[in-house]
């Protein structure tokens, strides 16, 4: 899913599909690049807690986030970002941990993309 924002984004929100096992927590990562995470690109950065974009890990030619923000809520969640996102293309990754401690991170094909325009 691609979303276009015409204003600076300071908060992200989402809803998880129904699950058999209750959700324990949701974490969100923001990766920036000239294209979506599925495309091989030379630039791969992710939003850190201090609000700066730092190098992201690359696996199989795609960007893989390692810095996640803890979201408030579980099935319906929201997370405040440390700063407004400047204009550009971003991939939003979610990592869901169930009450048993098993985590699942969205892959590059499952990550949502967002474009912030000015």
Protein backbone atom coordinates (compact mmCIF):
# COMPACT_ATOMS: atom_id res chain seq x y z
CA UNK A 1 0.00 0.00 0.00
CA UNK A 2 1.33 3.46 -0.90
CA UNK A 3 0.20 6.53 1.00
CA UNK A 4 0.86 10.14 0.04
CA UNK A 5 1.06 12.82 2.72
CA UNK A 6 0.91 16.47 1.72
CA UNK A 7 2.02 17.71 5.13
CA UNK A 8 5.00 16.86 7.28
CA UNK A 9 4.38 13.58 9.10
CA UNK A 10 5.01 13.51 12.87
CA UNK A 11 2.97 10.44 13.83
CA UNK A 12 2.20 7.06 12.26
CA UNK A 13 -0.83 4.91 13.02
CA UNK A 14 -2.15 1.58 11.85
CA UNK A 15 -4.38 -1.40 12.49
CA UNK A 16 -3.34 -5.03 12.58
CA UNK A 17 -5.48 -7.81 11.13
CA UNK A 18 -7.15 -10.21 13.56
CA UNK A 19 -4.78 -12.76 15.04
CA UNK A 20 -5.34 -16.04 16.85
CA UNK A 21 -2.62 -15.21 19.42
CA UNK A 22 -2.99 -11.89 21.31
CA UNK A 23 -0.49 -9.18 20.36
CA UNK A 24 1.99 -8.20 23.07
CA UNK A 25 3.57 -5.16 21.41
CA UNK A 26 4.06 -3.39 18.09
CA UNK A 27 7.24 -1.67 16.93
CA UNK A 28 7.65 0.50 13.84
CA UNK A 29 10.71 1.39 11.72
CA UNK A 30 11.02 4.09 9.04
CA UNK A 31 13.46 3.52 6.16
CA UNK A 32 14.25 6.25 3.62
CA UNK A 33 15.46 5.79 0.09
CA UNK A 34 14.83 7.03 -3.45
CA UNK A 35 12.48 4.10 -4.02
CA UNK A 36 10.58 1.37 -2.22
CA UNK A 37 12.41 -1.29 -0.18
CA UNK A 38 11.91 -3.88 -2.92
CA UNK A 39 14.18 -1.96 -5.30
CA UNK A 40 17.93 -2.20 -5.09
CA UNK A 41 19.31 1.20 -4.22
CA UNK A 42 22.65 2.64 -3.18
CA UNK A 43 21.14 4.76 -0.39
CA UNK A 44 19.61 2.98 2.57
CA UNK A 45 18.97 4.96 5.77
CA UNK A 46 16.60 4.60 8.71
CA UNK A 47 15.17 6.96 11.28
CA UNK A 48 16.95 6.77 14.65
CA UNK A 49 15.70 7.87 18.09
CA UNK A 50 17.61 11.16 17.86
CA UNK A 51 15.66 12.08 14.70
CA UNK A 52 18.59 11.61 12.30
CA UNK A 53 18.73 9.15 9.44
CA UNK A 54 21.52 6.59 9.90
CA UNK A 55 22.76 3.74 7.72
CA UNK A 56 20.47 0.72 7.56
CA UNK A 57 21.49 -2.91 7.14
CA UNK A 58 21.26 -4.36 3.64
CA UNK A 59 20.34 -7.99 3.05
CA UNK A 60 19.84 -9.51 -0.40
CA UNK A 61 20.09 -6.03 -1.91
CA UNK A 62 17.17 -4.56 0.05
CA UNK A 63 17.05 -2.31 3.09
CA UNK A 64 16.44 -4.06 6.42
CA UNK A 65 15.70 -1.90 9.47
CA UNK A 66 17.32 -2.49 12.85
CA UNK A 67 16.00 0.57 14.74
CA UNK A 68 12.37 0.32 15.79
CA UNK A 69 10.10 2.66 17.77
CA UNK A 70 7.72 1.15 20.33
CA UNK A 71 4.12 1.96 19.39
CA UNK A 72 1.27 2.62 21.81
CA UNK A 73 -1.54 0.11 21.48
CA UNK A 74 -1.62 -3.35 19.96
CA UNK A 75 -4.31 -4.11 17.37
CA UNK A 76 -4.76 -0.37 16.75
CA UNK A 77 -1.44 1.39 17.26
CA UNK A 78 0.24 4.76 16.89
CA UNK A 79 3.79 5.99 17.28
CA UNK A 80 5.13 9.54 17.57
CA UNK A 81 8.28 10.15 15.57
CA UNK A 82 11.20 12.14 17.02
CA UNK A 83 10.90 14.71 14.20
CA UNK A 84 8.78 15.53 11.19
CA UNK A 85 9.68 13.55 8.09
CA UNK A 86 11.06 15.71 5.27
CA UNK A 87 9.79 15.29 1.70
CA UNK A 88 10.74 11.94 0.20
CA UNK A 89 9.83 8.27 -0.06
CA UNK A 90 9.75 6.04 3.00
CA UNK A 91 9.08 2.40 3.78
CA UNK A 92 7.23 1.65 7.03
CA UNK A 93 8.14 -1.70 8.63
CA UNK A 94 6.24 -3.21 11.55
CA UNK A 95 7.48 -5.78 14.04
CA UNK A 96 4.72 -7.53 15.98
CA UNK A 97 5.51 -9.56 19.09
CA UNK A 98 2.82 -11.85 20.49
CA UNK A 99 2.26 -12.47 24.20
CA UNK A 100 4.43 -15.61 23.95
CA UNK A 101 7.44 -13.53 22.80
CA UNK A 102 7.49 -14.60 19.14
CA UNK A 103 8.28 -11.66 16.85
CA UNK A 104 7.48 -11.21 13.17
CA UNK A 105 8.86 -8.32 11.11
CA UNK A 106 7.29 -7.27 7.83
CA UNK A 107 9.61 -8.05 4.91
CA UNK A 108 10.47 -5.66 2.09
CA UNK A 109 7.55 -6.95 0.01
CA UNK A 110 5.11 -6.41 2.90
CA UNK A 111 6.33 -2.99 4.03
CA UNK A 112 3.99 -0.08 3.39
CA UNK A 113 5.41 2.80 1.38
CA UNK A 114 4.74 6.46 2.00
CA UNK A 115 5.56 9.55 0.01
CA UNK A 116 5.76 12.91 1.79
CA UNK A 117 5.25 15.80 -0.63
CA UNK A 118 5.58 19.53 -0.05
